Amino acid sequence: MKQFLYILMFAAVGIYALIEQSKPAPNRFIMIGAMAVFMFGLFRLMKKIPSKNDGENEEEHDTEI
């Protein structure tokens, strides 16, 4: 349920930011808030995805020692 709320919030803020961006003079605070929500969403996504190099780096360190 928590994941669904995050997705819904992310989509709503994104759509509102697109509408706001199309105006001749968009509100800076709304755009900054939308960017902050976007960065928060990216942070949560990247936290779950493992790095490709983590396993390779551990193997290299084991062979050097």
N, C-alpha and C. Protein backbone atom coordinates (compact mmCIF):
# COMPACT_ATOMS: atom_id res chain seq x y z
N MET A 1 0.83 -1.19 0.00
CA MET A 1 0.00 0.00 0.00
C MET A 1 0.87 1.25 0.00
N LYS A 2 1.97 1.20 0.75
CA LYS A 2 2.86 2.35 0.84
C LYS A 2 3.49 2.64 -0.52
N GLN A 3 3.87 1.58 -1.25
CA GLN A 3 4.45 1.75 -2.58
C GLN A 3 3.45 2.41 -3.52
N PHE A 4 2.20 2.00 -3.44
CA PHE A 4 1.17 2.57 -4.30
C PHE A 4 1.00 4.06 -4.04
N LEU A 5 1.05 4.46 -2.78
CA LEU A 5 0.92 5.87 -2.44
C LEU A 5 2.10 6.68 -2.98
N TYR A 6 3.30 6.12 -2.89
CA TYR A 6 4.47 6.80 -3.45
C TYR A 6 4.34 6.98 -4.96
N ILE A 7 3.90 5.94 -5.64
CA ILE A 7 3.74 6.02 -7.09
C ILE A 7 2.67 7.04 -7.45
N LEU A 8 1.56 7.02 -6.72
CA LEU A 8 0.48 7.96 -6.97
C LEU A 8 0.93 9.40 -6.72
N MET A 9 1.64 9.63 -5.62
CA MET A 9 2.14 10.97 -5.31
C MET A 9 3.13 11.44 -6.36
N PHE A 10 4.03 10.55 -6.77
CA PHE A 10 5.04 10.89 -7.77
C PHE A 10 4.38 11.27 -9.09
N ALA A 11 3.37 10.51 -9.50
CA ALA A 11 2.67 10.79 -10.75
C ALA A 11 1.89 12.11 -10.67
N ALA A 12 1.22 12.34 -9.56
CA ALA A 12 0.44 13.57 -9.40
C ALA A 12 1.33 14.81 -9.43
N VAL A 13 2.44 14.76 -8.73
CA VAL A 13 3.35 15.90 -8.71
C VAL A 13 3.97 16.10 -10.08
N GLY A 14 4.29 15.01 -10.76
CA GLY A 14 4.87 15.12 -12.10
C GLY A 14 3.92 15.74 -13.10
N ILE A 15 2.67 15.32 -13.06
CA ILE A 15 1.67 15.88 -13.98
C ILE A 15 1.42 17.35 -13.66
N TYR A 16 1.33 17.68 -12.38
CA TYR A 16 1.12 19.08 -12.00
C TYR A 16 2.31 19.94 -12.40
N ALA A 17 3.53 19.40 -12.28
CA ALA A 17 4.72 20.15 -12.68
C ALA A 17 4.74 20.39 -14.19
N LEU A 18 4.30 19.40 -14.96
CA LEU A 18 4.23 19.59 -16.41
C LEU A 18 3.22 20.67 -16.79
N ILE A 19 2.09 20.68 -16.10
CA ILE A 19 1.08 21.71 -16.37
C ILE A 19 1.62 23.07 -15.97
N GLU A 20 2.28 23.14 -14.83
CA GLU A 20 2.83 24.41 -14.34
C GLU A 20 3.94 24.90 -15.27
N GLN A 21 4.73 24.00 -15.80
CA GLN A 21 5.85 24.37 -16.65
C GLN A 21 5.37 24.98 -17.97
N SER A 22 4.20 24.60 -18.43
CA SER A 22 3.70 25.09 -19.70
C SER A 22 3.16 26.52 -19.61
N LYS A 23 3.03 27.05 -18.41
CA LYS A 23 2.55 28.42 -18.24
C LYS A 23 3.64 29.41 -18.65
N PRO A 24 3.25 30.63 -19.03
CA PRO A 24 4.27 31.63 -19.42
C PRO A 24 5.21 32.00 -18.27
N ALA A 25 4.70 32.03 -17.05
CA ALA A 25 5.53 32.36 -15.89
C ALA A 25 5.26 31.32 -14.80
N PRO A 26 5.97 30.17 -14.85
CA PRO A 26 5.71 29.13 -13.84
C PRO A 26 6.19 29.56 -12.46
N ASN A 27 5.52 29.07 -11.45
CA ASN A 27 5.87 29.36 -10.07
C ASN A 27 7.16 28.60 -9.72
N ARG A 28 8.17 29.32 -9.28
CA ARG A 28 9.48 28.71 -8.99
C ARG A 28 9.39 27.71 -7.84
N PHE A 29 8.61 28.04 -6.83
CA PHE A 29 8.52 27.17 -5.66
C PHE A 29 7.87 25.82 -6.01
N ILE A 30 6.89 25.86 -6.87
CA ILE A 30 6.25 24.61 -7.30
C ILE A 30 7.24 23.78 -8.11
N MET A 31 8.01 24.43 -8.98
CA MET A 31 8.99 23.70 -9.79
C MET A 31 10.10 23.11 -8.92
N ILE A 32 10.55 23.86 -7.92
CA ILE A 32 11.58 23.35 -7.01
C ILE A 32 11.03 22.18 -6.19
N GLY A 33 9.79 22.30 -5.73
CA GLY A 33 9.17 21.21 -4.99
C GLY A 33 9.01 19.96 -5.84
N ALA A 34 8.62 20.14 -7.10
CA ALA A 34 8.48 18.99 -8.00
C ALA A 34 9.83 18.33 -8.24
N MET A 35 10.87 19.14 -8.38
CA MET A 35 12.21 18.59 -8.58
C MET A 35 12.68 17.83 -7.33
N ALA A 36 12.35 18.34 -6.16
CA ALA A 36 12.73 17.66 -4.91
C ALA A 36 12.02 16.31 -4.79
N VAL A 37 10.74 16.27 -5.14
CA VAL A 37 10.01 15.00 -5.10
C VAL A 37 10.59 14.03 -6.12
N PHE A 38 10.96 14.53 -7.29
CA PHE A 38 11.57 13.69 -8.32
C PHE A 38 12.90 13.11 -7.83
N MET A 39 13.73 13.93 -7.21
CA MET A 39 15.02 13.45 -6.69
C MET A 39 14.81 12.44 -5.57
N PHE A 40 13.83 12.66 -4.72
CA PHE A 40 13.52 11.71 -3.66
C PHE A 40 13.11 10.36 -4.25
N GLY A 41 12.29 10.40 -5.30
CA GLY A 41 11.88 9.16 -5.96
C GLY A 41 13.06 8.44 -6.59
N LEU A 42 13.97 9.19 -7.22
CA LEU A 42 15.16 8.57 -7.79
C LEU A 42 16.05 7.98 -6.72
N PHE A 43 16.17 8.66 -5.59
CA PHE A 43 16.99 8.15 -4.49
C PHE A 43 16.44 6.83 -3.99
N ARG A 44 15.14 6.74 -3.82
CA ARG A 44 14.53 5.50 -3.34
C ARG A 44 14.69 4.38 -4.36
N LEU A 45 14.60 4.71 -5.63
CA LEU A 45 14.77 3.70 -6.67
C LEU A 45 16.21 3.21 -6.73
N MET A 46 17.16 4.11 -6.68
CA MET A 46 18.57 3.73 -6.80
C MET A 46 19.06 2.98 -5.57
N LYS A 47 18.42 3.20 -4.44
CA LYS A 47 18.80 2.49 -3.22
C LYS A 47 18.49 1.00 -3.35
N LYS A 48 17.49 0.66 -4.14
CA LYS A 48 17.08 -0.74 -4.29
C LYS A 48 17.87 -1.48 -5.36
N ILE A 49 18.48 -0.76 -6.30
CA ILE A 49 19.19 -1.39 -7.40
C ILE A 49 20.65 -1.56 -7.02
N PRO A 50 21.17 -2.79 -7.03
CA PRO A 50 22.58 -3.00 -6.68
C PRO A 50 23.50 -2.52 -7.79
N SER A 51 24.69 -2.11 -7.42
CA SER A 51 25.67 -1.66 -8.39
C SER A 51 26.29 -2.84 -9.11
N LYS A 52 26.63 -2.67 -10.39
CA LYS A 52 27.29 -3.73 -11.15
C LYS A 52 28.70 -3.98 -10.64
N ASN A 53 29.36 -2.94 -10.20
CA ASN A 53 30.77 -3.02 -9.85
C ASN A 53 31.03 -3.51 -8.44
N ASP A 54 30.02 -3.64 -7.61
CA ASP A 54 30.24 -4.07 -6.23
C ASP A 54 30.88 -5.45 -6.16
N GLY A 55 30.38 -6.40 -6.91
CA GLY A 55 30.92 -7.75 -6.91
C GLY A 55 32.30 -7.80 -7.52
N GLU A 56 32.53 -7.03 -8.58
CA GLU A 56 33.83 -7.02 -9.25
C GLU A 56 34.90 -6.39 -8.36
N ASN A 57 34.55 -5.33 -7.65
CA ASN A 57 35.52 -4.67 -6.78
C ASN A 57 35.94 -5.58 -5.63
N GLU A 58 35.02 -6.33 -5.09
CA GLU A 58 35.35 -7.24 -3.99
C GLU A 58 36.29 -8.34 -4.47
N GLU A 59 36.08 -8.85 -5.68
CA GLU A 59 36.95 -9.89 -6.22
C GLU A 59 38.35 -9.36 -6.48
N GLU A 60 38.45 -8.13 -6.98
CA GLU A 60 39.76 -7.53 -7.25
C GLU A 60 40.54 -7.32 -5.95
N HIS A 61 39.86 -6.88 -4.90
CA HIS A 61 40.54 -6.64 -3.63
C HIS A 61 41.01 -7.95 -3.01
N ASP A 62 40.27 -9.02 -3.21
CA ASP A 62 40.67 -10.31 -2.66
C ASP A 62 41.92 -10.84 -3.34
N THR A 63 42.06 -10.62 -4.63
CA THR A 63 43.22 -11.15 -5.36
C THR A 63 44.46 -10.31 -5.12
N GLU A 64 44.32 -9.01 -4.85
CA GLU A 64 45.47 -8.15 -4.64
C GLU A 64 46.15 -8.42 -3.31
N ILE A 65 45.42 -8.81 -2.31
CA ILE A 65 45.98 -9.00 -0.97
C ILE A 65 46.68 -10.27 -0.85
